[in-house]
């Protein structure tokens, strides 16, 4: 599989999102809300971008080497 910049960016943002969910689940601490405010426009954009990256990464299952 050829690593593109888009693949690496999507994977990195998805990992950040997963860590944020881990923090929420373990400690009830939302890092995005802490840094950017609770449901501000910027935090909603970040959540949306992370979600889009997760959906994009579904395509990794269909990729063949």
C-alpha atoms as a PDB file:
ATOM      1  CA  UNK A   1       0.000   0.000   0.000  1.00  0.00           C
ATOM      2  CA  UNK A   2       1.346   3.383  -0.979  1.00  0.00           C
ATOM      3  CA  UNK A   3       1.235   5.922   1.859  1.00  0.00           C
ATOM      4  CA  UNK A   4      -0.039   9.246   0.648  1.00  0.00           C
ATOM      5  CA  UNK A   5      -0.143  12.480   2.584  1.00  0.00           C
ATOM      6  CA  UNK A   6      -3.931  12.222   2.723  1.00  0.00           C
ATOM      7  CA  UNK A   7      -3.722   8.708   4.208  1.00  0.00           C
ATOM      8  CA  UNK A   8      -1.210   9.803   6.842  1.00  0.00           C
ATOM      9  CA  UNK A   9      -3.224  12.908   7.743  1.00  0.00           C
ATOM     10  CA  UNK A  10      -6.476  10.963   8.013  1.00  0.00           C
ATOM     11  CA  UNK A  11      -4.821   8.306  10.158  1.00  0.00           C
ATOM     12  CA  UNK A  12      -3.216  10.879  12.454  1.00  0.00           C
ATOM     13  CA  UNK A  13      -6.475  12.777  12.968  1.00  0.00           C
ATOM     14  CA  UNK A  14      -8.357   9.538  13.600  1.00  0.00           C
ATOM     15  CA  UNK A  15      -5.801   8.526  16.227  1.00  0.00           C
ATOM     16  CA  UNK A  16      -6.222  11.921  17.909  1.00  0.00           C
ATOM     17  CA  UNK A  17      -9.980  11.379  17.852  1.00  0.00           C
ATOM     18  CA  UNK A  18      -9.581   7.919  19.356  1.00  0.00           C
ATOM     19  CA  UNK A  19      -7.391   9.287  22.149  1.00  0.00           C
ATOM     20  CA  UNK A  20     -10.012  11.966  22.833  1.00  0.00           C
ATOM     21  CA  UNK A  21     -12.727   9.291  23.066  1.00  0.00           C
ATOM     22  CA  UNK A  22     -10.503   7.305  25.414  1.00  0.00           C
ATOM     23  CA  UNK A  23     -10.123  10.329  27.659  1.00  0.00           C
ATOM     24  CA  UNK A  24     -13.878  10.867  27.627  1.00  0.00           C
ATOM     25  CA  UNK A  25     -14.559   7.243  28.488  1.00  0.00           C
ATOM     26  CA  UNK A  26     -11.955   6.905  31.211  1.00  0.00           C
ATOM     27  CA  UNK A  27     -11.907  10.334  32.826  1.00  0.00           C
ATOM     28  CA  UNK A  28     -14.958  12.222  31.477  1.00  0.00           C
ATOM     29  CA  UNK A  29     -12.466  14.721  30.025  1.00  0.00           C
ATOM     30  CA  UNK A  30     -13.061  16.065  26.510  1.00  0.00           C
ATOM     31  CA  UNK A  31      -9.713  17.403  25.276  1.00  0.00           C
ATOM     32  CA  UNK A  32     -11.192  19.158  22.234  1.00  0.00           C
ATOM     33  CA  UNK A  33     -13.767  20.973  24.374  1.00  0.00           C
ATOM     34  CA  UNK A  34     -11.037  21.860  26.877  1.00  0.00           C
ATOM     35  CA  UNK A  35      -8.796  23.369  24.182  1.00  0.00           C
ATOM     36  CA  UNK A  36     -11.376  24.973  21.887  1.00  0.00           C
ATOM     37  CA  UNK A  37     -14.528  25.377  23.971  1.00  0.00           C
ATOM     38  CA  UNK A  38     -17.614  23.246  24.331  1.00  0.00           C
ATOM     39  CA  UNK A  39     -19.372  23.033  20.967  1.00  0.00           C
ATOM     40  CA  UNK A  40     -17.895  26.229  19.582  1.00  0.00           C
ATOM     41  CA  UNK A  41     -17.679  26.535  15.819  1.00  0.00           C
ATOM     42  CA  UNK A  42     -14.006  25.526  15.895  1.00  0.00           C
ATOM     43  CA  UNK A  43     -14.597  22.447  18.035  1.00  0.00           C
ATOM     44  CA  UNK A  44     -17.504  21.373  15.794  1.00  0.00           C
ATOM     45  CA  UNK A  45     -15.230  21.736  12.746  1.00  0.00           C
ATOM     46  CA  UNK A  46     -12.582  19.578  14.453  1.00  0.00           C
ATOM     47  CA  UNK A  47     -15.150  16.891  15.349  1.00  0.00           C
ATOM     48  CA  UNK A  48     -16.445  16.950  11.755  1.00  0.00           C
ATOM     49  CA  UNK A  49     -12.974  16.638  10.221  1.00  0.00           C
ATOM     50  CA  UNK A  50     -12.098  13.727  12.529  1.00  0.00           C
ATOM     51  CA  UNK A  51     -15.384  12.025  11.590  1.00  0.00           C
ATOM     52  CA  UNK A  52     -14.732  12.486   7.875  1.00  0.00           C
ATOM     53  CA  UNK A  53     -11.240  11.018   8.333  1.00  0.00           C
ATOM     54  CA  UNK A  54     -12.742   7.988  10.045  1.00  0.00           C
ATOM     55  CA  UNK A  55     -15.158   7.473   7.174  1.00  0.00           C
ATOM     56  CA  UNK A  56     -12.309   7.871   4.673  1.00  0.00           C
ATOM     57  CA  UNK A  57     -10.271   5.235   6.507  1.00  0.00           C
ATOM     58  CA  UNK A  58     -13.030   2.688   5.918  1.00  0.00           C
ATOM     59  CA  UNK A  59     -11.677   2.581   2.367  1.00  0.00           C
ATOM     60  CA  UNK A  60      -8.489   0.976   3.745  1.00  0.00           C
ATOM     61  CA  UNK A  61     -10.410  -2.275   4.074  1.00  0.00           C
ATOM     62  CA  UNK A  62     -10.982  -2.348   0.314  1.00  0.00           C
ATOM     63  CA  UNK A  63      -7.394  -1.515  -0.664  1.00  0.00           C
ATOM     64  CA  UNK A  64      -5.238  -4.288  -1.988  1.00  0.00           C
ATOM     65  CA  UNK A  65      -1.465  -4.183  -1.908  1.00  0.00           C
END
